[in-house]
Amino acid sequence: MATLGRPLATHRASAKAVVRGTPLEQAIRDKLEQATGAERLEVLNESRMHNVPPDAETHFRVVVVSSHFEGTTRLGRHRVVHRALAEELAGPIHALAIDALTPAEWRSRGESRSLSPDCRGGSRFDAGD
């Protein structure tokens, strides 16, 4: 069974976001909100699921629900996210999983995100090494 990353923040445009997490996580949230006008935004640090040091910030999943994506292909949506996070993708982020959905798609999914698979190499920290 896949282990979910800890949700660092869920944001709904109609409510004020509670700022949590690291400066990198906050930068991801800020940039995606500005680029997409997200109605729902989740940033999950999934680094602990991989063979990286504890407290690493290298593997993320983002869930972006925005009417901005209406009429846009999946590739187009991913391009929006990649453009917004170009600096982070060139530096600290090694892997980024993206769920970029319209509000209708989000509702049809039962308002749940995809699960990330376990890392094939596993996490040496899960084994107590």
N, C-alpha and C. Protein backbone atom coordinates (compact mmCIF):
# COMPACT_ATOMS: atom_id res chain seq x y z
N MET A 1 0.84 -1.18 0.00
CA MET A 1 0.00 0.00 0.00
C MET A 1 0.88 1.24 0.00
N ALA A 2 0.56 2.21 -0.82
CA ALA A 2 1.34 3.43 -0.92
C ALA A 2 1.16 4.27 0.34
N THR A 3 2.23 4.88 0.76
CA THR A 3 2.19 5.76 1.91
C THR A 3 1.99 7.18 1.41
N LEU A 4 1.04 7.87 1.95
CA LEU A 4 0.79 9.25 1.54
C LEU A 4 1.74 10.18 2.26
N GLY A 5 2.17 11.21 1.55
CA GLY A 5 2.93 12.27 2.19
C GLY A 5 2.00 13.04 3.10
N ARG A 6 2.57 13.70 4.06
CA ARG A 6 1.79 14.51 5.00
C ARG A 6 1.28 15.74 4.28
N PRO A 7 -0.04 15.98 4.29
CA PRO A 7 -0.52 17.20 3.64
C PRO A 7 -0.04 18.41 4.41
N LEU A 8 0.66 19.28 3.72
CA LEU A 8 1.26 20.43 4.39
C LEU A 8 0.31 21.60 4.44
N ALA A 9 -0.54 21.70 3.44
CA ALA A 9 -1.53 22.77 3.47
C ALA A 9 -2.60 22.46 2.46
N THR A 10 -3.79 22.71 2.84
CA THR A 10 -4.90 22.66 1.90
C THR A 10 -5.45 24.07 1.86
N HIS A 11 -5.64 24.56 0.67
CA HIS A 11 -6.08 25.94 0.55
C HIS A 11 -7.35 26.00 -0.28
N ARG A 12 -8.31 26.68 0.20
CA ARG A 12 -9.51 27.00 -0.57
C ARG A 12 -9.52 28.51 -0.70
N ALA A 13 -9.75 28.98 -1.92
CA ALA A 13 -9.67 30.41 -2.19
C ALA A 13 -10.62 31.21 -1.30
N SER A 14 -11.71 30.60 -0.87
CA SER A 14 -12.69 31.34 -0.07
C SER A 14 -12.31 31.44 1.40
N ALA A 15 -11.29 30.72 1.81
CA ALA A 15 -10.86 30.76 3.21
C ALA A 15 -9.39 31.12 3.27
N LYS A 16 -8.98 31.72 4.36
CA LYS A 16 -7.57 32.06 4.51
C LYS A 16 -6.78 30.78 4.77
N ALA A 17 -5.64 30.68 4.09
CA ALA A 17 -4.78 29.51 4.26
C ALA A 17 -4.02 29.62 5.58
N VAL A 18 -3.83 28.51 6.21
CA VAL A 18 -2.98 28.45 7.39
C VAL A 18 -1.58 28.14 6.87
N VAL A 19 -0.65 29.00 7.16
CA VAL A 19 0.71 28.82 6.66
C VAL A 19 1.41 27.81 7.54
N ARG A 20 1.83 26.75 6.89
CA ARG A 20 2.56 25.69 7.58
C ARG A 20 3.68 25.24 6.68
N GLY A 21 4.62 24.52 7.24
CA GLY A 21 5.67 23.95 6.42
C GLY A 21 6.88 24.85 6.31
N THR A 22 7.76 24.44 5.41
CA THR A 22 9.04 25.11 5.23
C THR A 22 8.92 26.25 4.24
N PRO A 23 9.96 27.07 4.13
CA PRO A 23 9.95 28.12 3.12
C PRO A 23 9.78 27.57 1.69
N LEU A 24 10.35 26.42 1.39
CA LEU A 24 10.18 25.83 0.06
C LEU A 24 8.72 25.46 -0.18
N GLU A 25 8.09 24.84 0.78
CA GLU A 25 6.67 24.48 0.64
C GLU A 25 5.81 25.72 0.47
N GLN A 26 6.11 26.77 1.21
CA GLN A 26 5.34 28.01 1.09
C GLN A 26 5.57 28.64 -0.28
N ALA A 27 6.79 28.59 -0.79
CA ALA A 27 7.08 29.14 -2.12
C ALA A 27 6.29 28.39 -3.18
N ILE A 28 6.21 27.07 -3.06
CA ILE A 28 5.44 26.26 -4.01
C ILE A 28 3.98 26.69 -3.97
N ARG A 29 3.41 26.81 -2.77
CA ARG A 29 2.01 27.23 -2.62
C ARG A 29 1.78 28.61 -3.24
N ASP A 30 2.64 29.55 -2.90
CA ASP A 30 2.47 30.92 -3.38
C ASP A 30 2.53 30.99 -4.90
N LYS A 31 3.50 30.33 -5.49
CA LYS A 31 3.67 30.39 -6.94
C LYS A 31 2.53 29.70 -7.68
N LEU A 32 2.07 28.56 -7.16
CA LEU A 32 0.97 27.86 -7.83
C LEU A 32 -0.34 28.62 -7.67
N GLU A 33 -0.56 29.22 -6.53
CA GLU A 33 -1.77 30.01 -6.34
C GLU A 33 -1.79 31.19 -7.29
N GLN A 34 -0.66 31.86 -7.43
CA GLN A 34 -0.58 33.01 -8.32
C GLN A 34 -0.76 32.58 -9.79
N ALA A 35 -0.16 31.46 -10.19
CA ALA A 35 -0.21 31.03 -11.59
C ALA A 35 -1.55 30.45 -11.99
N THR A 36 -2.30 29.89 -11.03
CA THR A 36 -3.51 29.15 -11.38
C THR A 36 -4.79 29.70 -10.77
N GLY A 37 -4.70 30.54 -9.78
CA GLY A 37 -5.90 30.98 -9.06
C GLY A 37 -6.59 29.79 -8.43
N ALA A 38 -5.82 28.88 -7.88
CA ALA A 38 -6.32 27.61 -7.36
C ALA A 38 -7.47 27.79 -6.39
N GLU A 39 -8.49 26.97 -6.59
CA GLU A 39 -9.61 26.91 -5.66
C GLU A 39 -9.31 25.92 -4.54
N ARG A 40 -8.44 24.97 -4.84
CA ARG A 40 -7.94 24.02 -3.86
C ARG A 40 -6.49 23.76 -4.21
N LEU A 41 -5.63 23.75 -3.21
CA LEU A 41 -4.21 23.54 -3.43
C LEU A 41 -3.63 22.73 -2.28
N GLU A 42 -3.04 21.61 -2.62
CA GLU A 42 -2.36 20.79 -1.62
C GLU A 42 -0.92 20.61 -2.05
N VAL A 43 -0.02 20.73 -1.10
CA VAL A 43 1.40 20.50 -1.34
C VAL A 43 1.83 19.42 -0.36
N LEU A 44 2.30 18.30 -0.91
CA LEU A 44 2.70 17.18 -0.07
C LEU A 44 4.17 16.87 -0.29
N ASN A 45 4.95 16.88 0.77
CA ASN A 45 6.35 16.49 0.70
C ASN A 45 6.39 14.98 0.85
N GLU A 46 6.69 14.28 -0.25
CA GLU A 46 6.73 12.81 -0.24
C GLU A 46 8.17 12.29 -0.16
N SER A 47 9.09 13.14 0.20
CA SER A 47 10.50 12.77 0.23
C SER A 47 10.76 11.59 1.16
N ARG A 48 10.03 11.53 2.25
CA ARG A 48 10.26 10.45 3.23
C ARG A 48 9.97 9.08 2.65
N MET A 49 9.26 9.03 1.53
CA MET A 49 8.94 7.76 0.89
C MET A 49 10.08 7.26 0.00
N HIS A 50 11.17 8.02 -0.04
CA HIS A 50 12.27 7.72 -0.94
C HIS A 50 13.57 7.60 -0.18
N ASN A 51 14.59 7.17 -0.87
CA ASN A 51 15.89 6.92 -0.27
C ASN A 51 16.67 8.23 -0.18
N VAL A 52 16.20 9.10 0.71
CA VAL A 52 16.81 10.41 0.93
C VAL A 52 16.96 10.63 2.43
N PRO A 53 17.79 11.57 2.83
CA PRO A 53 17.94 11.83 4.27
C PRO A 53 16.63 12.31 4.91
N PRO A 54 16.48 12.08 6.21
CA PRO A 54 15.30 12.61 6.90
C PRO A 54 15.21 14.13 6.69
N ASP A 55 14.01 14.65 6.64
CA ASP A 55 13.76 16.07 6.46
C ASP A 55 14.15 16.60 5.08
N ALA A 56 14.37 15.69 4.12
CA ALA A 56 14.69 16.12 2.75
C ALA A 56 13.47 16.79 2.12
N GLU A 57 13.72 17.64 1.17
CA GLU A 57 12.67 18.31 0.41
C GLU A 57 12.98 18.14 -1.08
N THR A 58 12.84 16.92 -1.56
CA THR A 58 13.22 16.62 -2.94
C THR A 58 12.09 16.05 -3.78
N HIS A 59 11.10 15.43 -3.15
CA HIS A 59 10.00 14.77 -3.86
C HIS A 59 8.68 15.34 -3.37
N PHE A 60 7.91 15.94 -4.30
CA PHE A 60 6.65 16.56 -3.92
C PHE A 60 5.51 16.08 -4.81
N ARG A 61 4.31 16.16 -4.28
CA ARG A 61 3.08 15.98 -5.04
C ARG A 61 2.27 17.25 -4.80
N VAL A 62 1.70 17.79 -5.88
CA VAL A 62 0.81 18.93 -5.76
C VAL A 62 -0.55 18.56 -6.34
N VAL A 63 -1.57 19.02 -5.68
CA VAL A 63 -2.94 18.89 -6.17
C VAL A 63 -3.44 20.31 -6.38
N VAL A 64 -3.72 20.64 -7.63
CA VAL A 64 -4.15 21.99 -7.98
C VAL A 64 -5.50 21.86 -8.66
N VAL A 65 -6.52 22.44 -8.05
CA VAL A 65 -7.86 22.44 -8.62
C VAL A 65 -8.18 23.89 -8.98
N SER A 66 -8.41 24.11 -10.28
CA SER A 66 -8.63 25.48 -10.74
C SER A 66 -9.50 25.50 -11.98
N SER A 67 -10.40 26.46 -12.03
CA SER A 67 -11.20 26.65 -13.24
C SER A 67 -10.32 27.18 -14.37
N HIS A 68 -9.13 27.65 -14.06
CA HIS A 68 -8.14 28.08 -15.05
C HIS A 68 -7.82 26.93 -16.02
N PHE A 69 -7.99 25.70 -15.58
CA PHE A 69 -7.66 24.53 -16.39
C PHE A 69 -8.78 24.11 -17.35
N GLU A 70 -9.94 24.75 -17.27
CA GLU A 70 -11.05 24.43 -18.17
C GLU A 70 -10.58 24.55 -19.62
N GLY A 71 -10.83 23.51 -20.42
CA GLY A 71 -10.47 23.53 -21.83
C GLY A 71 -8.99 23.37 -22.12
N THR A 72 -8.20 23.05 -21.10
CA THR A 72 -6.76 22.87 -21.25
C THR A 72 -6.41 21.39 -21.16
N THR A 73 -5.51 20.95 -22.01
CA THR A 73 -5.08 19.55 -21.98
C THR A 73 -4.26 19.26 -20.72
N ARG A 74 -4.09 18.00 -20.44
CA ARG A 74 -3.27 17.60 -19.29
C ARG A 74 -1.85 18.15 -19.45
N LEU A 75 -1.32 18.06 -20.66
CA LEU A 75 0.02 18.58 -20.92
C LEU A 75 0.08 20.08 -20.68
N GLY A 76 -0.93 20.80 -21.13
CA GLY A 76 -0.98 22.24 -20.91
C GLY A 76 -1.02 22.60 -19.44
N ARG A 77 -1.77 21.83 -18.68
CA ARG A 77 -1.87 22.07 -17.24
C ARG A 77 -0.51 21.85 -16.57
N HIS A 78 0.16 20.77 -16.97
CA HIS A 78 1.47 20.48 -16.39
C HIS A 78 2.48 21.56 -16.77
N ARG A 79 2.35 22.10 -17.97
CA ARG A 79 3.25 23.19 -18.37
C ARG A 79 3.05 24.42 -17.49
N VAL A 80 1.83 24.72 -17.14
CA VAL A 80 1.55 25.85 -16.25
C VAL A 80 2.26 25.64 -14.91
N VAL A 81 2.13 24.44 -14.36
CA VAL A 81 2.76 24.12 -13.07
C VAL A 81 4.28 24.18 -13.20
N HIS A 82 4.82 23.58 -14.26
CA HIS A 82 6.27 23.58 -14.44
C HIS A 82 6.82 24.99 -14.63
N ARG A 83 6.13 25.83 -15.38
CA ARG A 83 6.58 27.23 -15.55
C ARG A 83 6.58 27.95 -14.21
N ALA A 84 5.54 27.74 -13.43
CA ALA A 84 5.44 28.42 -12.12
C ALA A 84 6.55 27.98 -11.17
N LEU A 85 6.96 26.72 -11.28
CA LEU A 85 7.96 26.17 -10.35
C LEU A 85 9.32 25.94 -11.00
N ALA A 86 9.61 26.66 -12.08
CA ALA A 86 10.86 26.45 -12.82
C ALA A 86 12.10 26.56 -11.93
N GLU A 87 12.12 27.55 -11.06
CA GLU A 87 13.28 27.75 -10.18
C GLU A 87 13.46 26.56 -9.24
N GLU A 88 12.38 26.11 -8.65
CA GLU A 88 12.45 24.98 -7.71
C GLU A 88 12.81 23.68 -8.43
N LEU A 89 12.30 23.49 -9.65
CA LEU A 89 12.60 22.29 -10.41
C LEU A 89 14.04 22.27 -10.90
N ALA A 90 14.65 23.44 -11.04
CA ALA A 90 16.05 23.53 -11.44
C ALA A 90 16.98 23.33 -10.25
N GLY A 91 16.42 23.38 -9.05
CA GLY A 91 17.25 23.31 -7.85
C GLY A 91 16.86 22.18 -6.94
N PRO A 92 16.16 22.50 -5.87
CA PRO A 92 15.96 21.51 -4.81
C PRO A 92 14.99 20.38 -5.13
N ILE A 93 14.03 20.58 -6.03
CA ILE A 93 13.03 19.53 -6.29
C ILE A 93 13.56 18.55 -7.32
N HIS A 94 13.61 17.28 -6.93
CA HIS A 94 14.06 16.21 -7.82
C HIS A 94 12.89 15.59 -8.58
N ALA A 95 11.75 15.48 -7.93
CA ALA A 95 10.58 14.84 -8.53
C ALA A 95 9.32 15.58 -8.12
N LEU A 96 8.40 15.73 -9.09
CA LEU A 96 7.15 16.43 -8.83
C LEU A 96 6.00 15.67 -9.48
N ALA A 97 5.07 15.19 -8.67
CA ALA A 97 3.85 14.55 -9.17
C ALA A 97 2.76 15.62 -9.17
N ILE A 98 1.99 15.68 -10.25
CA ILE A 98 1.01 16.75 -10.42
C ILE A 98 -0.38 16.19 -10.67
N ASP A 99 -1.34 16.62 -9.85
CA ASP A 99 -2.76 16.41 -10.11
C ASP A 99 -3.30 17.81 -10.40
N ALA A 100 -3.52 18.12 -11.68
CA ALA A 100 -4.04 19.43 -12.09
C ALA A 100 -5.44 19.20 -12.66
N LEU A 101 -6.45 19.65 -11.93
CA LEU A 101 -7.84 19.30 -12.24
C LEU A 101 -8.74 20.53 -12.28
N THR A 102 -9.81 20.41 -13.03
CA THR A 102 -10.87 21.42 -12.97
C THR A 102 -11.73 21.09 -11.74
N PRO A 103 -12.53 22.03 -11.28
CA PRO A 103 -13.41 21.72 -10.15
C PRO A 103 -14.35 20.54 -10.43
N ALA A 104 -14.87 20.43 -11.65
CA ALA A 104 -15.76 19.31 -11.98
C ALA A 104 -15.01 17.98 -11.93
N GLU A 105 -13.78 17.97 -12.42
CA GLU A 105 -12.97 16.74 -12.37
C GLU A 105 -12.67 16.35 -10.93
N TRP A 106 -12.38 17.33 -10.10
CA TRP A 106 -12.11 17.09 -8.68
C TRP A 106 -13.34 16.47 -8.00
N ARG A 107 -14.51 17.03 -8.28
CA ARG A 107 -15.74 16.47 -7.69
C ARG A 107 -16.00 15.06 -8.20
N SER A 108 -15.77 14.82 -9.49
CA SER A 108 -16.03 13.48 -10.05
C SER A 108 -15.07 12.44 -9.50
N ARG A 109 -13.93 12.87 -8.99
CA ARG A 109 -12.95 11.98 -8.35
C ARG A 109 -13.31 11.71 -6.89
N GLY A 110 -14.38 12.31 -6.44
CA GLY A 110 -14.73 12.17 -5.03
C GLY A 110 -13.86 13.05 -4.15
N GLU A 111 -13.31 14.10 -4.73
CA GLU A 111 -12.45 15.04 -4.01
C GLU A 111 -11.30 14.34 -3.30
N SER A 112 -10.64 13.43 -4.02
CA SER A 112 -9.48 12.74 -3.46
C SER A 112 -8.33 12.76 -4.46
N ARG A 113 -7.14 12.81 -3.94
CA ARG A 113 -5.94 12.85 -4.78
C ARG A 113 -5.48 11.44 -5.13
N SER A 114 -4.61 11.37 -6.12
CA SER A 114 -4.00 10.10 -6.51
C SER A 114 -3.03 9.67 -5.42
N LEU A 115 -2.78 8.38 -5.36
CA LEU A 115 -1.78 7.86 -4.43
C LEU A 115 -0.46 7.71 -5.16
N SER A 116 0.62 8.07 -4.50
CA SER A 116 1.93 7.86 -5.08
C SER A 116 2.38 6.44 -4.76
N PRO A 117 3.02 5.79 -5.73
CA PRO A 117 3.51 4.43 -5.45
C PRO A 117 4.71 4.49 -4.52
N ASP A 118 4.97 3.38 -3.85
CA ASP A 118 6.17 3.30 -3.04
C ASP A 118 7.38 3.38 -3.96
N CYS A 119 8.45 3.95 -3.47
CA CYS A 119 9.69 4.05 -4.23
C CYS A 119 10.23 2.64 -4.47
N ARG A 120 10.63 2.36 -5.70
CA ARG A 120 11.14 1.01 -6.03
C ARG A 120 12.37 0.69 -5.20
N GLY A 121 13.19 1.68 -4.90
CA GLY A 121 14.39 1.45 -4.09
C GLY A 121 14.08 1.44 -2.62
N GLY A 122 12.84 1.81 -2.26
CA GLY A 122 12.47 1.88 -0.85
C GLY A 122 13.19 3.01 -0.15
N SER A 123 12.87 3.18 1.06
CA SER A 123 13.54 4.19 1.86
C SER A 123 14.41 3.48 2.90
N ARG A 124 15.68 3.74 2.87
CA ARG A 124 16.57 3.08 3.83
C ARG A 124 16.22 3.48 5.26
N PHE A 125 15.51 4.61 5.41
CA PHE A 125 15.15 5.07 6.74
C PHE A 125 13.96 4.32 7.30
N ASP A 126 13.10 3.75 6.40
CA ASP A 126 11.98 2.92 6.86
C ASP A 126 12.49 1.61 7.45
N ALA A 127 13.64 1.14 6.95
CA ALA A 127 14.19 -0.13 7.39
C ALA A 127 15.02 0.02 8.67
N GLY A 128 15.15 1.25 9.14
CA GLY A 128 15.90 1.49 10.38
C GLY A 128 17.39 1.55 10.17
N ASP A 129 17.84 1.70 8.91
CA ASP A 129 19.29 1.79 8.62
C ASP A 129 19.85 3.10 9.06
